[in-house]
């Protein structure tokens, strides 16, 4: 994946614009835009894309699914909450210690309030 698309996926719009100005021309996919919307906490856009592609996020690659635990590792609780609500696989592993989002949330003592009941049950 190009640096430009990676910036899009991570929601780093300013970085993506700098790369575009420098000649990046690797157009983002709908999956990239979905990931970007989640990372930017644009719930309306993420839901709009999901309505177009109901297979998201289940059809994302393993590398793309690792974004959830990476965000959990970095205490991005609101992004994690949105992604879980949109059906992101909570068992996906990633981050420095290859933990799941649940592992990271417990490790950091940052289990976000308002997570769906299915997540709270897994913590019990």
PDB file of N, CA and C in Angstrom:
ATOM      1  N   UNK A   1       0.854  -1.176   0.000  1.00  0.00           N
ATOM      2  CA  UNK A   1       0.000   0.000   0.000  1.00  0.00           C
ATOM      3  C   UNK A   1       0.895   1.233   0.000  1.00  0.00           C
ATOM      4  N   UNK A   2       0.510   2.194  -0.802  1.00  0.00           N
ATOM      5  CA  UNK A   2       1.311   3.416  -0.908  1.00  0.00           C
ATOM      6  C   UNK A   2       1.189   4.267   0.359  1.00  0.00           C
ATOM      7  N   UNK A   3       2.144   5.149   0.556  1.00  0.00           N
ATOM      8  CA  UNK A   3       2.097   6.067   1.699  1.00  0.00           C
ATOM      9  C   UNK A   3       0.847   6.939   1.626  1.00  0.00           C
ATOM     10  N   UNK A   4       0.449   7.313   0.420  1.00  0.00           N
ATOM     11  CA  UNK A   4      -0.749   8.130   0.242  1.00  0.00           C
ATOM     12  C   UNK A   4      -1.989   7.387   0.724  1.00  0.00           C
ATOM     13  N   UNK A   5      -2.168   6.155   0.261  1.00  0.00           N
ATOM     14  CA  UNK A   5      -3.338   5.377   0.691  1.00  0.00           C
ATOM     15  C   UNK A   5      -3.265   5.065   2.170  1.00  0.00           C
ATOM     16  N   UNK A   6      -2.084   4.832   2.698  1.00  0.00           N
ATOM     17  CA  UNK A   6      -1.929   4.566   4.137  1.00  0.00           C
ATOM     18  C   UNK A   6      -2.374   5.789   4.943  1.00  0.00           C
ATOM     19  N   UNK A   7      -1.999   6.975   4.478  1.00  0.00           N
ATOM     20  CA  UNK A   7      -2.432   8.207   5.157  1.00  0.00           C
ATOM     21  C   UNK A   7      -3.951   8.349   5.102  1.00  0.00           C
ATOM     22  N   UNK A   8      -4.546   8.023   3.955  1.00  0.00           N
ATOM     23  CA  UNK A   8      -6.005   8.081   3.831  1.00  0.00           C
ATOM     24  C   UNK A   8      -6.644   7.136   4.841  1.00  0.00           C
ATOM     25  N   UNK A   9      -6.183   5.897   4.876  1.00  0.00           N
ATOM     26  CA  UNK A   9      -6.758   4.898   5.787  1.00  0.00           C
ATOM     27  C   UNK A   9      -6.654   5.311   7.246  1.00  0.00           C
ATOM     28  N   UNK A  10      -5.572   5.954   7.586  1.00  0.00           N
ATOM     29  CA  UNK A  10      -5.359   6.372   8.976  1.00  0.00           C
ATOM     30  C   UNK A  10      -6.086   7.666   9.316  1.00  0.00           C
ATOM     31  N   UNK A  11      -6.785   8.235   8.333  1.00  0.00           N
ATOM     32  CA  UNK A  11      -7.507   9.481   8.581  1.00  0.00           C
ATOM     33  C   UNK A  11      -6.609  10.697   8.636  1.00  0.00           C
ATOM     34  N   UNK A  12      -5.407  10.584   8.116  1.00  0.00           N
ATOM     35  CA  UNK A  12      -4.439  11.683   8.139  1.00  0.00           C
ATOM     36  C   UNK A  12      -4.607  12.517   6.871  1.00  0.00           C
ATOM     37  N   UNK A  13      -5.670  13.276   6.812  1.00  0.00           N
ATOM     38  CA  UNK A  13      -6.016  14.008   5.595  1.00  0.00           C
ATOM     39  C   UNK A  13      -4.966  15.049   5.221  1.00  0.00           C
ATOM     40  N   UNK A  14      -4.371  15.720   6.199  1.00  0.00           N
ATOM     41  CA  UNK A  14      -3.345  16.719   5.882  1.00  0.00           C
ATOM     42  C   UNK A  14      -2.110  16.065   5.270  1.00  0.00           C
ATOM     43  N   UNK A  15      -1.715  14.932   5.800  1.00  0.00           N
ATOM     44  CA  UNK A  15      -0.578  14.197   5.245  1.00  0.00           C
ATOM     45  C   UNK A  15      -0.915  13.740   3.828  1.00  0.00           C
ATOM     46  N   UNK A  16      -2.125  13.231   3.640  1.00  0.00           N
ATOM     47  CA  UNK A  16      -2.545  12.785   2.307  1.00  0.00           C
ATOM     48  C   UNK A  16      -2.505  13.935   1.304  1.00  0.00           C
ATOM     49  N   UNK A  17      -2.910  15.119   1.728  1.00  0.00           N
ATOM     50  CA  UNK A  17      -2.888  16.278   0.830  1.00  0.00           C
ATOM     51  C   UNK A  17      -1.457  16.668   0.452  1.00  0.00           C
ATOM     52  N   UNK A  18      -0.528  16.600   1.402  1.00  0.00           N
ATOM     53  CA  UNK A  18       0.878  16.887   1.106  1.00  0.00           C
ATOM     54  C   UNK A  18       1.404  15.872   0.093  1.00  0.00           C
ATOM     55  N   UNK A  19       1.069  14.595   0.300  1.00  0.00           N
ATOM     56  CA  UNK A  19       1.525  13.559  -0.626  1.00  0.00           C
ATOM     57  C   UNK A  19       0.888  13.727  -2.003  1.00  0.00           C
ATOM     58  N   UNK A  20      -0.377  14.121  -2.038  1.00  0.00           N
ATOM     59  CA  UNK A  20      -1.049  14.357  -3.319  1.00  0.00           C
ATOM     60  C   UNK A  20      -0.376  15.515  -4.056  1.00  0.00           C
ATOM     61  N   UNK A  21      -0.053  16.572  -3.316  1.00  0.00           N
ATOM     62  CA  UNK A  21       0.622  17.730  -3.920  1.00  0.00           C
ATOM     63  C   UNK A  21       2.005  17.356  -4.450  1.00  0.00           C
ATOM     64  N   UNK A  22       2.608  16.333  -3.841  1.00  0.00           N
ATOM     65  CA  UNK A  22       3.930  15.881  -4.282  1.00  0.00           C
ATOM     66  C   UNK A  22       3.838  14.858  -5.413  1.00  0.00           C
ATOM     67  N   UNK A  23       2.618  14.575  -5.869  1.00  0.00           N
ATOM     68  CA  UNK A  23       2.463  13.703  -7.022  1.00  0.00           C
ATOM     69  C   UNK A  23       1.851  12.343  -6.763  1.00  0.00           C
ATOM     70  N   UNK A  24       1.445  12.064  -5.544  1.00  0.00           N
ATOM     71  CA  UNK A  24       0.807  10.767  -5.269  1.00  0.00           C
ATOM     72  C   UNK A  24      -0.475  10.671  -6.087  1.00  0.00           C
ATOM     73  N   UNK A  25      -0.632   9.552  -6.779  1.00  0.00           N
ATOM     74  CA  UNK A  25      -1.816   9.414  -7.615  1.00  0.00           C
ATOM     75  C   UNK A  25      -2.449   8.032  -7.505  1.00  0.00           C
ATOM     76  N   UNK A  26      -2.231   7.380  -6.400  1.00  0.00           N
ATOM     77  CA  UNK A  26      -2.799   6.066  -6.137  1.00  0.00           C
ATOM     78  C   UNK A  26      -4.195   6.274  -5.553  1.00  0.00           C
ATOM     79  N   UNK A  27      -5.248   6.165  -6.358  1.00  0.00           N
ATOM     80  CA  UNK A  27      -6.581   6.505  -5.859  1.00  0.00           C
ATOM     81  C   UNK A  27      -7.027   5.577  -4.727  1.00  0.00           C
ATOM     82  N   UNK A  28      -7.608   6.143  -3.675  1.00  0.00           N
ATOM     83  CA  UNK A  28      -8.076   5.311  -2.572  1.00  0.00           C
ATOM     84  C   UNK A  28      -9.279   4.470  -2.992  1.00  0.00           C
ATOM     85  N   UNK A  29      -9.365   3.295  -2.419  1.00  0.00           N
ATOM     86  CA  UNK A  29     -10.495   2.403  -2.673  1.00  0.00           C
ATOM     87  C   UNK A  29     -11.638   2.770  -1.727  1.00  0.00           C
ATOM     88  N   UNK A  30     -12.784   2.178  -1.951  1.00  0.00           N
ATOM     89  CA  UNK A  30     -13.913   2.400  -1.044  1.00  0.00           C
ATOM     90  C   UNK A  30     -13.581   1.869   0.351  1.00  0.00           C
ATOM     91  N   UNK A  31     -12.811   0.792   0.411  1.00  0.00           N
ATOM     92  CA  UNK A  31     -12.365   0.266   1.708  1.00  0.00           C
ATOM     93  C   UNK A  31     -11.491   1.292   2.423  1.00  0.00           C
ATOM     94  N   UNK A  32     -10.583   1.932   1.672  1.00  0.00           N
ATOM     95  CA  UNK A  32      -9.727   2.974   2.255  1.00  0.00           C
ATOM     96  C   UNK A  32     -10.578   4.111   2.806  1.00  0.00           C
ATOM     97  N   UNK A  33     -11.580   4.514   2.038  1.00  0.00           N
ATOM     98  CA  UNK A  33     -12.441   5.614   2.467  1.00  0.00           C
ATOM     99  C   UNK A  33     -13.256   5.231   3.694  1.00  0.00           C
ATOM    100  N   UNK A  34     -13.672   3.970   3.774  1.00  0.00           N
ATOM    101  CA  UNK A  34     -14.394   3.483   4.956  1.00  0.00           C
ATOM    102  C   UNK A  34     -13.488   3.553   6.185  1.00  0.00           C
ATOM    103  N   UNK A  35     -12.265   3.067   6.033  1.00  0.00           N
ATOM    104  CA  UNK A  35     -11.319   3.104   7.144  1.00  0.00           C
ATOM    105  C   UNK A  35     -11.019   4.542   7.550  1.00  0.00           C
ATOM    106  N   UNK A  36     -10.879   5.414   6.572  1.00  0.00           N
ATOM    107  CA  UNK A  36     -10.612   6.826   6.846  1.00  0.00           C
ATOM    108  C   UNK A  36     -11.755   7.451   7.630  1.00  0.00           C
ATOM    109  N   UNK A  37     -12.973   7.165   7.224  1.00  0.00           N
ATOM    110  CA  UNK A  37     -14.133   7.718   7.925  1.00  0.00           C
ATOM    111  C   UNK A  37     -14.142   7.257   9.380  1.00  0.00           C
ATOM    112  N   UNK A  38     -13.814   6.001   9.611  1.00  0.00           N
ATOM    113  CA  UNK A  38     -13.758   5.492  10.990  1.00  0.00           C
ATOM    114  C   UNK A  38     -12.660   6.197  11.777  1.00  0.00           C
ATOM    115  N   UNK A  39     -11.482   6.320  11.197  1.00  0.00           N
ATOM    116  CA  UNK A  39     -10.350   6.947  11.885  1.00  0.00           C
ATOM    117  C   UNK A  39     -10.620   8.421  12.179  1.00  0.00           C
ATOM    118  N   UNK A  40     -11.387   9.082  11.298  1.00  0.00           N
ATOM    119  CA  UNK A  40     -11.701  10.507  11.478  1.00  0.00           C
ATOM    120  C   UNK A  40     -12.963  10.723  12.307  1.00  0.00           C
ATOM    121  N   UNK A  41     -13.566   9.636  12.758  1.00  0.00           N
ATOM    122  CA  UNK A  41     -14.822   9.682  13.523  1.00  0.00           C
ATOM    123  C   UNK A  41     -15.962  10.307  12.722  1.00  0.00           C
ATOM    124  N   UNK A  42     -15.967  10.064  11.435  1.00  0.00           N
ATOM    125  CA  UNK A  42     -17.050  10.532  10.582  1.00  0.00           C
ATOM    126  C   UNK A  42     -18.048   9.382  10.454  1.00  0.00           C
ATOM    127  N   UNK A  43     -18.856   9.221  11.497  1.00  0.00           N
ATOM    128  CA  UNK A  43     -19.786   8.095  11.560  1.00  0.00           C
ATOM    129  C   UNK A  43     -20.780   8.107  10.402  1.00  0.00           C
ATOM    130  N   UNK A  44     -21.252   9.280  10.028  1.00  0.00           N
ATOM    131  CA  UNK A  44     -22.226   9.365   8.937  1.00  0.00           C
ATOM    132  C   UNK A  44     -21.612   8.847   7.636  1.00  0.00           C
ATOM    133  N   UNK A  45     -20.378   9.245   7.345  1.00  0.00           N
ATOM    134  CA  UNK A  45     -19.711   8.789   6.127  1.00  0.00           C
ATOM    135  C   UNK A  45     -19.426   7.293   6.192  1.00  0.00           C
ATOM    136  N   UNK A  46     -18.984   6.805   7.343  1.00  0.00           N
ATOM    137  CA  UNK A  46     -18.717   5.373   7.485  1.00  0.00           C
ATOM    138  C   UNK A  46     -19.996   4.567   7.267  1.00  0.00           C
ATOM    139  N   UNK A  47     -21.095   5.040   7.817  1.00  0.00           N
ATOM    140  CA  UNK A  47     -22.377   4.337   7.629  1.00  0.00           C
ATOM    141  C   UNK A  47     -22.860   4.434   6.182  1.00  0.00           C
ATOM    142  N   UNK A  48     -22.620   5.559   5.531  1.00  0.00           N
ATOM    143  CA  UNK A  48     -23.000   5.715   4.126  1.00  0.00           C
ATOM    144  C   UNK A  48     -22.246   4.707   3.259  1.00  0.00           C
ATOM    145  N   UNK A  49     -20.947   4.593   3.505  1.00  0.00           N
ATOM    146  CA  UNK A  49     -20.135   3.644   2.739  1.00  0.00           C
ATOM    147  C   UNK A  49     -20.568   2.217   3.048  1.00  0.00           C
ATOM    148  N   UNK A  50     -20.854   1.939   4.297  1.00  0.00           N
ATOM    149  CA  UNK A  50     -21.288   0.595   4.674  1.00  0.00           C
ATOM    150  C   UNK A  50     -22.619   0.241   4.029  1.00  0.00           C
ATOM    151  N   UNK A  51     -23.488   1.229   3.855  1.00  0.00           N
ATOM    152  CA  UNK A  51     -24.765   0.975   3.167  1.00  0.00           C
ATOM    153  C   UNK A  51     -24.520   0.578   1.708  1.00  0.00           C
ATOM    154  N   UNK A  52     -23.482   1.163   1.101  1.00  0.00           N
ATOM    155  CA  UNK A  52     -23.114   0.801  -0.269  1.00  0.00           C
ATOM    156  C   UNK A  52     -22.448  -0.566  -0.326  1.00  0.00           C
ATOM    157  N   UNK A  53     -21.706  -0.885   0.727  1.00  0.00           N
ATOM    158  CA  UNK A  53     -20.947  -2.127   0.806  1.00  0.00           C
ATOM    159  C   UNK A  53     -21.229  -2.824   2.123  1.00  0.00           C
ATOM    160  N   UNK A  54     -22.361  -3.531   2.236  1.00  0.00           N
ATOM    161  CA  UNK A  54     -22.713  -4.186   3.492  1.00  0.00           C
ATOM    162  C   UNK A  54     -21.700  -5.245   3.951  1.00  0.00           C
ATOM    163  N   UNK A  55     -20.798  -5.636   3.055  1.00  0.00           N
ATOM    164  CA  UNK A  55     -19.773  -6.610   3.423  1.00  0.00           C
ATOM    165  C   UNK A  55     -18.647  -5.999   4.258  1.00  0.00           C
ATOM    166  N   UNK A  56     -18.674  -4.680   4.410  1.00  0.00           N
ATOM    167  CA  UNK A  56     -17.660  -4.013   5.232  1.00  0.00           C
ATOM    168  C   UNK A  56     -18.111  -3.998   6.687  1.00  0.00           C
ATOM    169  N   UNK A  57     -17.232  -4.196   7.604  1.00  0.00           N
ATOM    170  CA  UNK A  57     -15.790  -4.381   7.509  1.00  0.00           C
ATOM    171  C   UNK A  57     -15.338  -5.828   7.333  1.00  0.00           C
ATOM    172  N   UNK A  58     -16.279  -6.780   7.273  1.00  0.00           N
ATOM    173  CA  UNK A  58     -15.910  -8.199   7.215  1.00  0.00           C
ATOM    174  C   UNK A  58     -14.991  -8.533   6.054  1.00  0.00           C
ATOM    175  N   UNK A  59     -15.110  -7.815   4.941  1.00  0.00           N
ATOM    176  CA  UNK A  59     -14.317  -8.139   3.757  1.00  0.00           C
ATOM    177  C   UNK A  59     -12.945  -7.469   3.742  1.00  0.00           C
ATOM    178  N   UNK A  60     -12.615  -6.710   4.767  1.00  0.00           N
ATOM    179  CA  UNK A  60     -11.299  -6.060   4.817  1.00  0.00           C
ATOM    180  C   UNK A  60     -10.202  -7.112   4.966  1.00  0.00           C
ATOM    181  N   UNK A  61      -9.009  -6.769   4.521  1.00  0.00           N
ATOM    182  CA  UNK A  61      -7.866  -7.673   4.652  1.00  0.00           C
ATOM    183  C   UNK A  61      -7.435  -7.730   6.121  1.00  0.00           C
ATOM    184  N   UNK A  62      -6.634  -8.728   6.433  1.00  0.00           N
ATOM    185  CA  UNK A  62      -6.103  -8.841   7.796  1.00  0.00           C
ATOM    186  C   UNK A  62      -5.316  -7.585   8.169  1.00  0.00           C
ATOM    187  N   UNK A  63      -4.534  -7.069   7.237  1.00  0.00           N
ATOM    188  CA  UNK A  63      -3.758  -5.852   7.503  1.00  0.00           C
ATOM    189  C   UNK A  63      -4.683  -4.684   7.821  1.00  0.00           C
ATOM    190  N   UNK A  64      -5.789  -4.570   7.101  1.00  0.00           N
ATOM    191  CA  UNK A  64      -6.736  -3.488   7.359  1.00  0.00           C
ATOM    192  C   UNK A  64      -7.444  -3.689   8.693  1.00  0.00           C
ATOM    193  N   UNK A  65      -7.778  -4.934   9.016  1.00  0.00           N
ATOM    194  CA  UNK A  65      -8.467  -5.214  10.282  1.00  0.00           C
ATOM    195  C   UNK A  65      -7.577  -4.919  11.486  1.00  0.00           C
ATOM    196  N   UNK A  66      -6.256  -4.923  11.300  1.00  0.00           N
ATOM    197  CA  UNK A  66      -5.333  -4.621  12.401  1.00  0.00           C
ATOM    198  C   UNK A  66      -5.430  -3.171  12.866  1.00  0.00           C
ATOM    199  N   UNK A  67      -6.105  -2.325  12.108  1.00  0.00           N
ATOM    200  CA  UNK A  67      -6.247  -0.929  12.528  1.00  0.00           C
ATOM    201  C   UNK A  67      -7.026  -0.804  13.841  1.00  0.00           C
ATOM    202  N   UNK A  68      -8.010  -1.670  14.061  1.00  0.00           N
ATOM    203  CA  UNK A  68      -8.788  -1.584  15.310  1.00  0.00           C
ATOM    204  C   UNK A  68      -7.896  -1.775  16.535  1.00  0.00           C
ATOM    205  N   UNK A  69      -7.121  -2.862  16.644  1.00  0.00           N
ATOM    206  CA  UNK A  69      -6.272  -2.984  17.830  1.00  0.00           C
ATOM    207  C   UNK A  69      -5.187  -1.914  17.912  1.00  0.00           C
ATOM    208  N   UNK A  70      -4.726  -1.417  16.773  1.00  0.00           N
ATOM    209  CA  UNK A  70      -3.728  -0.347  16.812  1.00  0.00           C
ATOM    210  C   UNK A  70      -4.345   0.916  17.410  1.00  0.00           C
ATOM    211  N   UNK A  71      -5.564   1.222  17.014  1.00  0.00           N
ATOM    212  CA  UNK A  71      -6.236   2.383  17.602  1.00  0.00           C
ATOM    213  C   UNK A  71      -6.518   2.153  19.089  1.00  0.00           C
ATOM    214  N   UNK A  72      -6.885   0.919  19.454  1.00  0.00           N
ATOM    215  CA  UNK A  72      -7.103   0.618  20.873  1.00  0.00           C
ATOM    216  C   UNK A  72      -5.799   0.757  21.650  1.00  0.00           C
ATOM    217  N   UNK A  73      -4.697   0.315  21.061  1.00  0.00           N
ATOM    218  CA  UNK A  73      -3.387   0.433  21.704  1.00  0.00           C
ATOM    219  C   UNK A  73      -3.065   1.906  21.972  1.00  0.00           C
ATOM    220  N   UNK A  74      -3.487   2.771  21.065  1.00  0.00           N
ATOM    221  CA  UNK A  74      -3.198   4.191  21.186  1.00  0.00           C
ATOM    222  C   UNK A  74      -4.303   4.967  21.900  1.00  0.00           C
ATOM    223  N   UNK A  75      -5.183   4.237  22.572  1.00  0.00           N
ATOM    224  CA  UNK A  75      -6.251   4.829  23.394  1.00  0.00           C
ATOM    225  C   UNK A  75      -7.188   5.733  22.600  1.00  0.00           C
ATOM    226  N   UNK A  76      -7.461   5.372  21.365  1.00  0.00           N
ATOM    227  CA  UNK A  76      -8.427   6.113  20.539  1.00  0.00           C
ATOM    228  C   UNK A  76      -9.804   5.517  20.769  1.00  0.00           C
ATOM    229  N   UNK A  77     -10.320   5.717  21.972  1.00  0.00           N
ATOM    230  CA  UNK A  77     -11.544   5.060  22.419  1.00  0.00           C
ATOM    231  C   UNK A  77     -12.746   5.349  21.526  1.00  0.00           C
ATOM    232  N   UNK A  78     -12.904   6.575  21.079  1.00  0.00           N
ATOM    233  CA  UNK A  78     -14.069   6.916  20.263  1.00  0.00           C
ATOM    234  C   UNK A  78     -14.021   6.201  18.911  1.00  0.00           C
ATOM    235  N   UNK A  79     -12.844   6.120  18.320  1.00  0.00           N
ATOM    236  CA  UNK A  79     -12.710   5.400  17.057  1.00  0.00           C
ATOM    237  C   UNK A  79     -12.993   3.918  17.259  1.00  0.00           C
ATOM    238  N   UNK A  80     -12.466   3.350  18.331  1.00  0.00           N
ATOM    239  CA  UNK A  80     -12.696   1.941  18.634  1.00  0.00           C
ATOM    240  C   UNK A  80     -14.192   1.690  18.804  1.00  0.00           C
ATOM    241  N   UNK A  81     -14.858   2.541  19.542  1.00  0.00           N
ATOM    242  CA  UNK A  81     -16.296   2.387  19.761  1.00  0.00           C
ATOM    243  C   UNK A  81     -17.048   2.395  18.428  1.00  0.00           C
ATOM    244  N   UNK A  82     -16.746   3.358  17.566  1.00  0.00           N
ATOM    245  CA  UNK A  82     -17.414   3.443  16.268  1.00  0.00           C
ATOM    246  C   UNK A  82     -17.157   2.183  15.447  1.00  0.00           C
ATOM    247  N   UNK A  83     -15.917   1.751  15.403  1.00  0.00           N
ATOM    248  CA  UNK A  83     -15.574   0.587  14.592  1.00  0.00           C
ATOM    249  C   UNK A  83     -16.269  -0.669  15.092  1.00  0.00           C
ATOM    250  N   UNK A  84     -16.348  -0.839  16.406  1.00  0.00           N
ATOM    251  CA  UNK A  84     -17.046  -2.001  16.967  1.00  0.00           C
ATOM    252  C   UNK A  84     -18.537  -1.914  16.634  1.00  0.00           C
ATOM    253  N   UNK A  85     -19.109  -0.734  16.755  1.00  0.00           N
ATOM    254  CA  UNK A  85     -20.526  -0.564  16.413  1.00  0.00           C
ATOM    255  C   UNK A  85     -20.797  -0.899  14.951  1.00  0.00           C
ATOM    256  N   UNK A  86     -19.820  -0.651  14.088  1.00  0.00           N
ATOM    257  CA  UNK A  86     -19.980  -0.928  12.657  1.00  0.00           C
ATOM    258  C   UNK A  86     -19.674  -2.380  12.308  1.00  0.00           C
ATOM    259  N   UNK A  87     -19.342  -3.181  13.301  1.00  0.00           N
ATOM    260  CA  UNK A  87     -19.147  -4.606  13.072  1.00  0.00           C
ATOM    261  C   UNK A  87     -17.719  -5.072  12.896  1.00  0.00           C
ATOM    262  N   UNK A  88     -16.759  -4.201  13.244  1.00  0.00           N
ATOM    263  CA  UNK A  88     -15.354  -4.590  13.141  1.00  0.00           C
ATOM    264  C   UNK A  88     -15.121  -5.810  14.008  1.00  0.00           C
ATOM    265  N   UNK A  89     -14.338  -6.756  13.560  1.00  0.00           N
ATOM    266  CA  UNK A  89     -14.063  -7.979  14.308  1.00  0.00           C
ATOM    267  C   UNK A  89     -13.187  -7.654  15.517  1.00  0.00           C
ATOM    268  N   UNK A  90     -13.740  -7.774  16.708  1.00  0.00           N
ATOM    269  CA  UNK A  90     -13.024  -7.364  17.911  1.00  0.00           C
ATOM    270  C   UNK A  90     -11.858  -8.281  18.258  1.00  0.00           C
ATOM    271  N   UNK A  91     -11.828  -9.455  17.664  1.00  0.00           N
ATOM    272  CA  UNK A  91     -10.728 -10.371  17.922  1.00  0.00           C
ATOM    273  C   UNK A  91      -9.521 -10.145  17.041  1.00  0.00           C
ATOM    274  N   UNK A  92      -9.612  -9.197  16.091  1.00  0.00           N
ATOM    275  CA  UNK A  92      -8.470  -8.909  15.216  1.00  0.00           C
ATOM    276  C   UNK A  92      -7.289  -8.492  16.072  1.00  0.00           C
ATOM    277  N   UNK A  93      -6.115  -8.993  15.735  1.00  0.00           N
ATOM    278  CA  UNK A  93      -4.923  -8.733  16.542  1.00  0.00           C
ATOM    279  C   UNK A  93      -3.994  -7.769  15.827  1.00  0.00           C
ATOM    280  N   UNK A  94      -3.284  -6.954  16.630  1.00  0.00           N
ATOM    281  CA  UNK A  94      -2.326  -6.011  16.064  1.00  0.00           C
ATOM    282  C   UNK A  94      -1.665  -5.205  17.154  1.00  0.00           C
ATOM    283  N   UNK A  95      -0.872  -4.246  16.740  1.00  0.00           N
ATOM    284  CA  UNK A  95      -0.157  -3.410  17.703  1.00  0.00           C
ATOM    285  C   UNK A  95       1.155  -4.031  18.105  1.00  0.00           C
ATOM    286  N   UNK A  96       1.839  -3.371  19.013  1.00  0.00           N
ATOM    287  CA  UNK A  96       3.177  -3.790  19.417  1.00  0.00           C
ATOM    288  C   UNK A  96       3.238  -5.209  19.980  1.00  0.00           C
ATOM    289  N   UNK A  97       2.216  -5.622  20.716  1.00  0.00           N
ATOM    290  CA  UNK A  97       2.227  -6.933  21.360  1.00  0.00           C
ATOM    291  C   UNK A  97       1.260  -7.914  20.709  1.00  0.00           C
ATOM    292  N   UNK A  98       0.761  -7.569  19.523  1.00  0.00           N
ATOM    293  CA  UNK A  98      -0.166  -8.420  18.777  1.00  0.00           C
ATOM    294  C   UNK A  98      -1.405  -8.763  19.607  1.00  0.00           C
ATOM    295  N   UNK A  99      -1.944  -7.762  20.300  1.00  0.00           N
ATOM    296  CA  UNK A  99      -3.137  -7.972  21.096  1.00  0.00           C
ATOM    297  C   UNK A  99      -4.394  -7.581  20.337  1.00  0.00           C
ATOM    298  N   UNK A 100      -5.536  -8.058  20.834  1.00  0.00           N
ATOM    299  CA  UNK A 100      -6.811  -7.648  20.258  1.00  0.00           C
ATOM    300  C   UNK A 100      -7.201  -6.295  20.858  1.00  0.00           C
ATOM    301  N   UNK A 101      -8.230  -5.697  20.305  1.00  0.00           N
ATOM    302  CA  UNK A 101      -8.721  -4.431  20.860  1.00  0.00           C
ATOM    303  C   UNK A 101      -9.133  -4.620  22.309  1.00  0.00           C
ATOM    304  N   UNK A 102      -9.715  -5.780  22.615  1.00  0.00           N
ATOM    305  CA  UNK A 102     -10.102  -6.046  24.007  1.00  0.00           C
ATOM    306  C   UNK A 102      -8.877  -6.159  24.900  1.00  0.00           C
ATOM    307  N   UNK A 103      -7.852  -6.862  24.422  1.00  0.00           N
ATOM    308  CA  UNK A 103      -6.613  -6.957  25.202  1.00  0.00           C
ATOM    309  C   UNK A 103      -6.053  -5.583  25.503  1.00  0.00           C
ATOM    310  N   UNK A 104      -6.012  -4.726  24.482  1.00  0.00           N
ATOM    311  CA  UNK A 104      -5.453  -3.393  24.648  1.00  0.00           C
ATOM    312  C   UNK A 104      -6.299  -2.543  25.581  1.00  0.00           C
ATOM    313  N   UNK A 105      -7.600  -2.644  25.459  1.00  0.00           N
ATOM    314  CA  UNK A 105      -8.474  -1.840  26.320  1.00  0.00           C
ATOM    315  C   UNK A 105      -8.297  -2.240  27.781  1.00  0.00           C
ATOM    316  N   UNK A 106      -8.235  -3.534  28.038  1.00  0.00           N
ATOM    317  CA  UNK A 106      -8.050  -4.006  29.418  1.00  0.00           C
ATOM    318  C   UNK A 106      -6.660  -3.632  29.914  1.00  0.00           C
ATOM    319  N   UNK A 107      -5.652  -3.850  29.098  1.00  0.00           N
ATOM    320  CA  UNK A 107      -4.271  -3.524  29.467  1.00  0.00           C
ATOM    321  C   UNK A 107      -4.137  -2.053  29.844  1.00  0.00           C
ATOM    322  N   UNK A 108      -4.770  -1.198  29.066  1.00  0.00           N
ATOM    323  CA  UNK A 108      -4.675   0.241  29.312  1.00  0.00           C
ATOM    324  C   UNK A 108      -5.725   0.726  30.315  1.00  0.00           C
ATOM    325  N   UNK A 109      -6.533  -0.185  30.808  1.00  0.00           N
ATOM    326  CA  UNK A 109      -7.626   0.158  31.718  1.00  0.00           C
ATOM    327  C   UNK A 109      -8.493   1.261  31.110  1.00  0.00           C
ATOM    328  N   UNK A 110      -8.815   1.071  29.818  1.00  0.00           N
ATOM    329  CA  UNK A 110      -9.566   2.072  29.066  1.00  0.00           C
ATOM    330  C   UNK A 110     -10.713   1.423  28.307  1.00  0.00           C
ATOM    331  N   UNK A 111     -11.436   0.528  28.956  1.00  0.00           N
ATOM    332  CA  UNK A 111     -12.587  -0.067  28.286  1.00  0.00           C
ATOM    333  C   UNK A 111     -13.627   1.028  28.137  1.00  0.00           C
ATOM    334  N   UNK A 112     -13.906   1.444  26.898  1.00  0.00           N
ATOM    335  CA  UNK A 112     -14.835   2.558  26.684  1.00  0.00           C
ATOM    336  C   UNK A 112     -16.239   2.245  27.178  1.00  0.00           C
ATOM    337  N   UNK A 113     -16.865   3.242  27.764  1.00  0.00           N
ATOM    338  CA  UNK A 113     -18.261   3.102  28.165  1.00  0.00           C
ATOM    339  C   UNK A 113     -19.123   3.062  26.912  1.00  0.00           C
ATOM    340  N   UNK A 114     -20.238   2.351  27.023  1.00  0.00           N
ATOM    341  CA  UNK A 114     -21.180   2.328  25.923  1.00  0.00           C
ATOM    342  C   UNK A 114     -20.850   1.337  24.826  1.00  0.00           C
ATOM    343  N   UNK A 115     -19.888   0.435  25.063  1.00  0.00           N
ATOM    344  CA  UNK A 115     -19.636  -0.578  24.049  1.00  0.00           C
ATOM    345  C   UNK A 115     -20.823  -1.529  24.001  1.00  0.00           C
ATOM    346  N   UNK A 116     -21.080  -2.122  22.860  1.00  0.00           N
ATOM    347  CA  UNK A 116     -22.201  -3.058  22.751  1.00  0.00           C
ATOM    348  C   UNK A 116     -22.093  -4.181  23.768  1.00  0.00           C
ATOM    349  N   UNK A 117     -23.221  -4.752  24.104  1.00  0.00           N
ATOM    350  CA  UNK A 117     -23.283  -5.799  25.120  1.00  0.00           C
ATOM    351  C   UNK A 117     -22.396  -6.986  24.763  1.00  0.00           C
ATOM    352  N   UNK A 118     -22.261  -7.295  23.470  1.00  0.00           N
ATOM    353  CA  UNK A 118     -21.440  -8.447  23.085  1.00  0.00           C
ATOM    354  C   UNK A 118     -19.992  -8.266  23.500  1.00  0.00           C
ATOM    355  N   UNK A 119     -19.519  -7.043  23.542  1.00  0.00           N
ATOM    356  CA  UNK A 119     -18.146  -6.771  23.953  1.00  0.00           C
ATOM    357  C   UNK A 119     -18.051  -6.867  25.473  1.00  0.00           C
ATOM    358  N   UNK A 120     -19.010  -6.285  26.175  1.00  0.00           N
ATOM    359  CA  UNK A 120     -18.981  -6.325  27.640  1.00  0.00           C
ATOM    360  C   UNK A 120     -19.034  -7.788  28.121  1.00  0.00           C
ATOM    361  N   UNK A 121     -19.794  -8.631  27.447  1.00  0.00           N
ATOM    362  CA  UNK A 121     -19.880 -10.036  27.844  1.00  0.00           C
ATOM    363  C   UNK A 121     -18.541 -10.745  27.691  1.00  0.00           C
ATOM    364  N   UNK A 122     -17.791 -10.400  26.655  1.00  0.00           N
ATOM    365  CA  UNK A 122     -16.499 -11.030  26.455  1.00  0.00           C
ATOM    366  C   UNK A 122     -15.494 -10.621  27.529  1.00  0.00           C
ATOM    367  N   UNK A 123     -15.709  -9.468  28.148  1.00  0.00           N
ATOM    368  CA  UNK A 123     -14.797  -9.028  29.198  1.00  0.00           C
ATOM    369  C   UNK A 123     -15.099  -9.679  30.531  1.00  0.00           C
ATOM    370  N   UNK A 124     -16.327 -10.180  30.703  1.00  0.00           N
ATOM    371  CA  UNK A 124     -16.732 -10.756  31.997  1.00  0.00           C
ATOM    372  C   UNK A 124     -16.083 -12.103  32.247  1.00  0.00           C
TER     373      UNK A 124
END
